[in-house]
Every structure is written in structure tokens, then in C-alpha cells.
Amino acid sequence: MGSAELQSDTTPPDTKLDGRLLRSERSRQLIIAAMIELVGEGNLIPTAQQVAERADVGIRSVFRHFDDMDSIFETTNAIMLEVTKPLFVGGDRSGTIEVRILHATEQLTNGYASAKNFLLSGKIRMWNTPVVKKNYILSQRRIQKELEDWIPEILSLPELDKQSAYALASFDYWLQLREVQNASNKDCVEIISNQISYLFPK
């Protein structure tokens, strides 16, 4: 019996198992990273084959780790919900209401610009993936809470005006201005902040 064969035979079973688990977990992380990269590049609904090729794994490996593509979208969507959260928090929230509305709008619109592909991917998948829909709604509610923290006066507005403020500060409204009407991000800030300001009595 050769030394290599002897060494293989005497390797503790738990060591072999640990090695397989590590390789399996590494493959899973590569698949998740591939999905995130593809969506970030603008491929909003990557196929299993595209994910496998980017992760440099076999397509069978993709479906050993995930039941279906929805499962991958759910996992990566939850991760990106947390990764993009810091884009919408922080900042100096002092000053007059006009200053705070402007700064809040700047932060939100810059956050939307950075997270656009991930938010768009979530919007596309939310209609047939309940977890993604739940996460998308959660992200929008978080943004509403951030807006309230910037501008607590919103809470004193009549209900219809309050809902208008949330809509004006939403990703959907920014997307309409930025991508459909081709407004610059600077113009988006001006339009949105002006319209929110009109809701408050002078």
C-alpha cells in the first residue's frame, strides 16, 4: 500500500466532512456573490446559467444549494436590503425645514441612484415572489421613517398631504423623473424638494 493511499485511508472522517462542508459553503457564497454582481451590473433577472457561469460552478451546483431561482432572489434580496440600508441613514438633520427637506431629498435621491438596480430587481420580482415583495415594502417603509426623522413636521400634516410626501420621496417617483423623463439627479432633487415644501404652510 502506497504512502498516499495510507494517508487517505487514515484521514479522520470528520476532517473529510469538514472539507466538503467548507467547499459546499464556498460554492453557495460564490453563487450569491454572482447574483449580486449581475444585478449590480444591470442584469436584473439573471438566469441560472448566467449565475453558474459567473460563479464558475456547474448549473447542478446552483440547484443543489437553492431549490429554484426564486430562492436565490430571496436570499440576495434580503442581503441587499441590509447592505443598502446605510445609504439612507445619517447626515446632519438640523436646520430649518427648508434646509432639512433639501438635505433629505439629496440623501434619498443619491441612495436611489446607488441602489437603483437592486431596487428595480426587487420591483420586478415582487409580483411573483412574496418574500421579495415583503422586503421591497419594508425598504420603502424604512425610507418613510427616515423622511419622518429628517422632517418630523410631516407627522402633523393632513393624512392626504402626508401620503403625498411619502410618494414624492419614493423610489418610484425618483425613477419616473430620472429614467423616464431623463431629469438629472440634481434636477430630481430640486423638483422633489420643491414639491414636498409646497405641502407645508408658509
C-alpha atoms as a PDB file:
ATOM      1  CA  MET A   1       0.000   0.000   0.000  1.00  0.00           C
ATOM      2  CA  GLY A   2       1.491   3.360  -1.040  1.00  0.00           C
ATOM      3  CA  SER A   3       2.019   6.225   1.388  1.00  0.00           C
ATOM      4  CA  ALA A   4      -0.528   8.410  -0.396  1.00  0.00           C
ATOM      5  CA  GLU A   5      -3.146   5.675  -0.125  1.00  0.00           C
ATOM      6  CA  LEU A   6      -2.313   5.111   3.526  1.00  0.00           C
ATOM      7  CA  GLN A   7      -2.623   8.824   4.243  1.00  0.00           C
ATOM      8  CA  SER A   8      -6.015   8.920   2.536  1.00  0.00           C
ATOM      9  CA  ASP A   9      -7.241   5.903   4.466  1.00  0.00           C
ATOM     10  CA  THR A  10      -6.165   7.344   7.796  1.00  0.00           C
ATOM     11  CA  THR A  11      -7.698  10.828   7.301  1.00  0.00           C
ATOM     12  CA  PRO A  12     -10.271  11.277  10.098  1.00  0.00           C
ATOM     13  CA  PRO A  13     -13.847  11.120   8.721  1.00  0.00           C
ATOM     14  CA  ASP A  14     -14.795  14.377  10.419  1.00  0.00           C
ATOM     15  CA  THR A  15     -11.917  16.151   8.629  1.00  0.00           C
ATOM     16  CA  LYS A  16     -13.165  14.905   5.258  1.00  0.00           C
ATOM     17  CA  LEU A  17     -16.679  16.025   6.158  1.00  0.00           C
ATOM     18  CA  ASP A  18     -15.464  19.451   7.277  1.00  0.00           C
ATOM     19  CA  GLY A  19     -13.652  19.875   3.969  1.00  0.00           C
ATOM     20  CA  ARG A  20     -16.763  19.027   1.965  1.00  0.00           C
ATOM     21  CA  LEU A  21     -18.852  21.410   4.052  1.00  0.00           C
ATOM     22  CA  LEU A  22     -16.359  24.227   3.525  1.00  0.00           C
ATOM     23  CA  ARG A  23     -16.328  23.649  -0.235  1.00  0.00           C
ATOM     24  CA  SER A  24     -20.114  23.486  -0.262  1.00  0.00           C
ATOM     25  CA  GLU A  25     -20.443  26.740   1.679  1.00  0.00           C
ATOM     26  CA  ARG A  26     -17.863  28.393  -0.573  1.00  0.00           C
ATOM     27  CA  SER A  27     -19.869  27.383  -3.647  1.00  0.00           C
ATOM     28  CA  ARG A  28     -23.029  28.789  -2.089  1.00  0.00           C
ATOM     29  CA  GLN A  29     -21.332  32.102  -1.340  1.00  0.00           C
ATOM     30  CA  LEU A  30     -19.960  32.263  -4.894  1.00  0.00           C
ATOM     31  CA  ILE A  31     -23.483  31.792  -6.267  1.00  0.00           C
ATOM     32  CA  ILE A  32     -24.851  34.580  -4.064  1.00  0.00           C
ATOM     33  CA  ALA A  33     -21.965  36.887  -4.988  1.00  0.00           C
ATOM     34  CA  ALA A  34     -22.518  36.140  -8.684  1.00  0.00           C
ATOM     35  CA  MET A  35     -26.199  37.057  -8.423  1.00  0.00           C
ATOM     36  CA  ILE A  36     -25.364  40.316  -6.648  1.00  0.00           C
ATOM     37  CA  GLU A  37     -22.704  41.204  -9.242  1.00  0.00           C
ATOM     38  CA  LEU A  38     -25.003  40.511 -12.177  1.00  0.00           C
ATOM     39  CA  VAL A  39     -27.877  42.557 -10.756  1.00  0.00           C
ATOM     40  CA  GLY A  40     -25.489  45.370  -9.839  1.00  0.00           C
ATOM     41  CA  GLU A  41     -24.297  45.440 -13.452  1.00  0.00           C
ATOM     42  CA  GLY A  42     -27.869  45.837 -14.698  1.00  0.00           C
ATOM     43  CA  ASN A  43     -28.886  42.227 -15.407  1.00  0.00           C
ATOM     44  CA  LEU A  44     -31.994  42.500 -13.243  1.00  0.00           C
ATOM     45  CA  ILE A  45     -33.199  38.907 -13.686  1.00  0.00           C
ATOM     46  CA  PRO A  46     -30.159  36.701 -14.278  1.00  0.00           C
ATOM     47  CA  THR A  47     -30.739  33.140 -15.455  1.00  0.00           C
ATOM     48  CA  ALA A  48     -29.395  30.095 -13.628  1.00  0.00           C
ATOM     49  CA  GLN A  49     -26.892  29.579 -16.425  1.00  0.00           C
ATOM     50  CA  GLN A  50     -25.605  33.143 -16.155  1.00  0.00           C
ATOM     51  CA  VAL A  51     -25.248  32.806 -12.388  1.00  0.00           C
ATOM     52  CA  ALA A  52     -23.431  29.489 -12.730  1.00  0.00           C
ATOM     53  CA  GLU A  53     -21.031  30.892 -15.319  1.00  0.00           C
ATOM     54  CA  ARG A  54     -20.246  33.978 -13.239  1.00  0.00           C
ATOM     55  CA  ALA A  55     -19.768  31.879 -10.084  1.00  0.00           C
ATOM     56  CA  ASP A  56     -17.657  29.374 -12.059  1.00  0.00           C
ATOM     57  CA  VAL A  57     -19.718  26.438 -10.812  1.00  0.00           C
ATOM     58  CA  GLY A  58     -21.836  23.864 -12.594  1.00  0.00           C
ATOM     59  CA  ILE A  59     -25.514  24.594 -13.015  1.00  0.00           C
ATOM     60  CA  ARG A  60     -26.263  21.477 -10.949  1.00  0.00           C
ATOM     61  CA  SER A  61     -24.353  23.094  -8.098  1.00  0.00           C
ATOM     62  CA  VAL A  62     -26.694  26.092  -8.261  1.00  0.00           C
ATOM     63  CA  PHE A  63     -29.722  23.877  -7.678  1.00  0.00           C
ATOM     64  CA  ARG A  64     -28.018  21.777  -5.016  1.00  0.00           C
ATOM     65  CA  HIS A  65     -27.815  24.916  -2.898  1.00  0.00           C
ATOM     66  CA  PHE A  66     -31.111  26.545  -3.898  1.00  0.00           C
ATOM     67  CA  ASP A  67     -34.469  24.993  -4.718  1.00  0.00           C
ATOM     68  CA  ASP A  68     -35.112  27.390  -7.585  1.00  0.00           C
ATOM     69  CA  MET A  69     -34.221  30.854  -8.862  1.00  0.00           C
ATOM     70  CA  ASP A  70     -36.782  32.442  -6.558  1.00  0.00           C
ATOM     71  CA  SER A  71     -34.783  31.082  -3.610  1.00  0.00           C
ATOM     72  CA  ILE A  72     -31.633  32.790  -4.877  1.00  0.00           C
ATOM     73  CA  PHE A  73     -33.505  36.053  -5.428  1.00  0.00           C
ATOM     74  CA  GLU A  74     -34.966  35.841  -1.914  1.00  0.00           C
ATOM     75  CA  THR A  75     -31.538  35.285  -0.353  1.00  0.00           C
ATOM     76  CA  THR A  76     -29.731  38.015  -2.281  1.00  0.00           C
ATOM     77  CA  ASN A  77     -32.641  40.433  -1.877  1.00  0.00           C
ATOM     78  CA  ALA A  78     -32.512  40.073   1.912  1.00  0.00           C
ATOM     79  CA  ILE A  79     -28.750  40.644   1.874  1.00  0.00           C
ATOM     80  CA  MET A  80     -29.001  43.749  -0.304  1.00  0.00           C
ATOM     81  CA  LEU A  81     -31.803  45.136   1.854  1.00  0.00           C
ATOM     82  CA  GLU A  82     -29.277  45.359   4.685  1.00  0.00           C
ATOM     83  CA  VAL A  83     -26.286  46.350   2.515  1.00  0.00           C
ATOM     84  CA  THR A  84     -28.091  49.340   1.004  1.00  0.00           C
ATOM     85  CA  LYS A  85     -29.640  50.490   4.292  1.00  0.00           C
ATOM     86  CA  PRO A  86     -26.683  52.784   5.216  1.00  0.00           C
ATOM     87  CA  LEU A  87     -27.261  54.764   2.000  1.00  0.00           C
ATOM     88  CA  PHE A  88     -30.393  56.245   3.548  1.00  0.00           C
ATOM     89  CA  VAL A  89     -29.320  56.926   7.134  1.00  0.00           C
ATOM     90  CA  GLY A  90     -27.115  59.512   8.832  1.00  0.00           C
ATOM     91  CA  GLY A  91     -26.425  63.062   7.787  1.00  0.00           C
ATOM     92  CA  ASP A  92     -26.804  66.375   9.597  1.00  0.00           C
ATOM     93  CA  ARG A  93     -30.534  66.621  10.267  1.00  0.00           C
ATOM     94  CA  SER A  94     -30.551  70.076  11.813  1.00  0.00           C
ATOM     95  CA  GLY A  95     -31.619  73.390  10.315  1.00  0.00           C
ATOM     96  CA  THR A  96     -34.803  74.990   9.048  1.00  0.00           C
ATOM     97  CA  ILE A  97     -37.493  72.853   7.495  1.00  0.00           C
ATOM     98  CA  GLU A  98     -36.457  74.056   4.041  1.00  0.00           C
ATOM     99  CA  VAL A  99     -32.838  73.008   4.658  1.00  0.00           C
ATOM    100  CA  ARG A 100     -33.900  69.635   6.065  1.00  0.00           C
ATOM    101  CA  ILE A 101     -36.234  68.923   3.145  1.00  0.00           C
ATOM    102  CA  LEU A 102     -33.401  69.684   0.706  1.00  0.00           C
ATOM    103  CA  HIS A 103     -30.854  67.546   2.546  1.00  0.00           C
ATOM    104  CA  ALA A 104     -33.315  64.676   2.998  1.00  0.00           C
ATOM    105  CA  THR A 105     -34.103  64.723  -0.704  1.00  0.00           C
ATOM    106  CA  GLU A 106     -30.405  64.804  -1.601  1.00  0.00           C
ATOM    107  CA  GLN A 107     -29.697  61.786   0.573  1.00  0.00           C
ATOM    108  CA  LEU A 108     -32.672  59.805  -0.691  1.00  0.00           C
ATOM    109  CA  THR A 109     -32.048  60.512  -4.358  1.00  0.00           C
ATOM    110  CA  ASN A 110     -28.336  59.719  -4.051  1.00  0.00           C
ATOM    111  CA  GLY A 111     -29.280  56.483  -2.302  1.00  0.00           C
ATOM    112  CA  TYR A 112     -31.721  55.611  -5.073  1.00  0.00           C
ATOM    113  CA  ALA A 113     -29.063  56.270  -7.696  1.00  0.00           C
ATOM    114  CA  SER A 114     -26.611  53.934  -5.941  1.00  0.00           C
ATOM    115  CA  ALA A 115     -29.133  51.154  -5.229  1.00  0.00           C
ATOM    116  CA  LYS A 116     -31.192  51.544  -8.414  1.00  0.00           C
ATOM    117  CA  ASN A 117     -30.543  48.130  -9.956  1.00  0.00           C
ATOM    118  CA  PHE A 118     -31.228  46.263  -6.737  1.00  0.00           C
ATOM    119  CA  LEU A 119     -34.455  48.197  -6.136  1.00  0.00           C
ATOM    120  CA  LEU A 120     -35.535  47.630  -9.740  1.00  0.00           C
ATOM    121  CA  SER A 121     -34.790  43.928  -9.500  1.00  0.00           C
ATOM    122  CA  GLY A 122     -36.901  43.781  -6.347  1.00  0.00           C
ATOM    123  CA  LYS A 123     -39.766  45.600  -8.055  1.00  0.00           C
ATOM    124  CA  ILE A 124     -39.718  43.135 -10.938  1.00  0.00           C
ATOM    125  CA  ARG A 125     -39.652  40.057  -8.719  1.00  0.00           C
ATOM    126  CA  MET A 126     -42.064  41.282  -6.050  1.00  0.00           C
ATOM    127  CA  TRP A 127     -45.115  40.377  -8.125  1.00  0.00           C
ATOM    128  CA  ASN A 128     -44.410  36.652  -8.021  1.00  0.00           C
ATOM    129  CA  THR A 129     -42.051  36.277  -5.053  1.00  0.00           C
ATOM    130  CA  PRO A 130     -43.801  37.038  -1.735  1.00  0.00           C
ATOM    131  CA  VAL A 131     -40.580  37.375   0.283  1.00  0.00           C
ATOM    132  CA  VAL A 132     -39.163  39.890  -2.194  1.00  0.00           C
ATOM    133  CA  LYS A 133     -42.444  41.827  -2.105  1.00  0.00           C
ATOM    134  CA  LYS A 134     -42.307  41.886   1.690  1.00  0.00           C
ATOM    135  CA  ASN A 135     -38.693  43.124   1.617  1.00  0.00           C
ATOM    136  CA  TYR A 136     -39.450  45.785  -1.001  1.00  0.00           C
ATOM    137  CA  ILE A 137     -42.336  47.161   1.066  1.00  0.00           C
ATOM    138  CA  LEU A 138     -40.125  47.019   4.173  1.00  0.00           C
ATOM    139  CA  SER A 139     -37.408  49.038   2.419  1.00  0.00           C
ATOM    140  CA  GLN A 140     -39.928  51.687   1.359  1.00  0.00           C
ATOM    141  CA  ARG A 141     -41.313  51.928   4.893  1.00  0.00           C
ATOM    142  CA  ARG A 142     -37.805  52.357   6.232  1.00  0.00           C
ATOM    143  CA  ILE A 143     -37.341  55.238   3.835  1.00  0.00           C
ATOM    144  CA  GLN A 144     -40.604  56.774   5.040  1.00  0.00           C
ATOM    145  CA  LYS A 145     -39.300  56.548   8.611  1.00  0.00           C
ATOM    146  CA  GLU A 146     -36.066  58.236   7.548  1.00  0.00           C
ATOM    147  CA  LEU A 147     -38.093  61.022   5.945  1.00  0.00           C
ATOM    148  CA  GLU A 148     -40.048  61.444   9.174  1.00  0.00           C
ATOM    149  CA  ASP A 149     -36.793  61.636  11.095  1.00  0.00           C
ATOM    150  CA  TRP A 150     -35.488  64.338   8.763  1.00  0.00           C
ATOM    151  CA  ILE A 151     -38.814  66.186   8.745  1.00  0.00           C
ATOM    152  CA  PRO A 152     -40.933  65.287  11.806  1.00  0.00           C
ATOM    153  CA  GLU A 153     -43.379  68.021  10.753  1.00  0.00           C
ATOM    154  CA  ILE A 154     -44.683  65.514   8.197  1.00  0.00           C
ATOM    155  CA  LEU A 155     -46.495  63.704  11.001  1.00  0.00           C
ATOM    156  CA  SER A 156     -48.615  66.811  11.634  1.00  0.00           C
ATOM    157  CA  LEU A 157     -49.769  67.128   8.031  1.00  0.00           C
ATOM    158  CA  PRO A 158     -53.295  66.136   6.992  1.00  0.00           C
ATOM    159  CA  GLU A 159     -53.338  62.463   6.023  1.00  0.00           C
ATOM    160  CA  LEU A 160     -53.556  63.067   2.269  1.00  0.00           C
ATOM    161  CA  ASP A 161     -50.659  65.528   2.356  1.00  0.00           C
ATOM    162  CA  LYS A 162     -48.608  63.100   4.444  1.00  0.00           C
ATOM    163  CA  GLN A 163     -49.182  60.319   1.902  1.00  0.00           C
ATOM    164  CA  SER A 164     -48.256  62.764  -0.872  1.00  0.00           C
ATOM    165  CA  ALA A 165     -44.948  63.495   0.872  1.00  0.00           C
ATOM    166  CA  TYR A 166     -44.161  59.779   1.090  1.00  0.00           C
ATOM    167  CA  ALA A 167     -44.985  59.313  -2.590  1.00  0.00           C
ATOM    168  CA  LEU A 168     -42.874  62.304  -3.656  1.00  0.00           C
ATOM    169  CA  ALA A 169     -39.897  60.930  -1.708  1.00  0.00           C
ATOM    170  CA  SER A 170     -40.316  57.388  -3.036  1.00  0.00           C
ATOM    171  CA  PHE A 171     -38.051  55.424  -5.354  1.00  0.00           C
ATOM    172  CA  ASP A 172     -40.889  55.162  -7.892  1.00  0.00           C
ATOM    173  CA  TYR A 173     -41.258  58.931  -8.207  1.00  0.00           C
ATOM    174  CA  TRP A 174     -37.486  59.439  -8.468  1.00  0.00           C
ATOM    175  CA  LEU A 175     -37.339  56.694 -11.113  1.00  0.00           C
ATOM    176  CA  GLN A 176     -40.063  58.366 -13.168  1.00  0.00           C
ATOM    177  CA  LEU A 177     -38.166  61.649 -13.163  1.00  0.00           C
ATOM    178  CA  ARG A 178     -34.685  60.193 -13.633  1.00  0.00           C
ATOM    179  CA  GLU A 179     -35.197  57.342 -16.071  1.00  0.00           C
ATOM    180  CA  VAL A 180     -38.449  58.126 -17.897  1.00  0.00           C
ATOM    181  CA  GLN A 181     -38.325  61.912 -18.066  1.00  0.00           C
ATOM    182  CA  ASN A 182     -34.497  61.956 -18.205  1.00  0.00           C
ATOM    183  CA  ALA A 183     -34.097  64.585 -15.499  1.00  0.00           C
ATOM    184  CA  SER A 184     -30.623  64.857 -13.979  1.00  0.00           C
ATOM    185  CA  ASN A 185     -30.206  63.773 -10.379  1.00  0.00           C
ATOM    186  CA  LYS A 186     -29.668  67.442  -9.469  1.00  0.00           C
ATOM    187  CA  ASP A 187     -32.962  68.359 -11.127  1.00  0.00           C
ATOM    188  CA  CYS A 188     -34.679  65.448  -9.345  1.00  0.00           C
ATOM    189  CA  VAL A 189     -33.530  66.875  -6.020  1.00  0.00           C
ATOM    190  CA  GLU A 190     -34.871  70.310  -6.892  1.00  0.00           C
ATOM    191  CA  ILE A 191     -38.217  69.041  -8.203  1.00  0.00           C
ATOM    192  CA  ILE A 192     -38.858  66.677  -5.305  1.00  0.00           C
ATOM    193  CA  SER A 193     -37.732  69.057  -2.552  1.00  0.00           C
ATOM    194  CA  ASN A 194     -39.838  71.884  -4.021  1.00  0.00           C
ATOM    195  CA  GLN A 195     -42.931  69.706  -4.234  1.00  0.00           C
ATOM    196  CA  ILE A 196     -42.542  68.431  -0.682  1.00  0.00           C
ATOM    197  CA  SER A 197     -42.032  72.020   0.528  1.00  0.00           C
ATOM    198  CA  TYR A 198     -45.365  73.060  -1.076  1.00  0.00           C
ATOM    199  CA  LEU A 199     -47.159  70.697   1.346  1.00  0.00           C
ATOM    200  CA  PHE A 200     -46.179  72.782   4.347  1.00  0.00           C
ATOM    201  CA  PRO A 201     -47.877  76.053   5.260  1.00  0.00           C
ATOM    202  CA  LYS A 202     -45.687  79.109   4.788  1.00  0.00           C
END
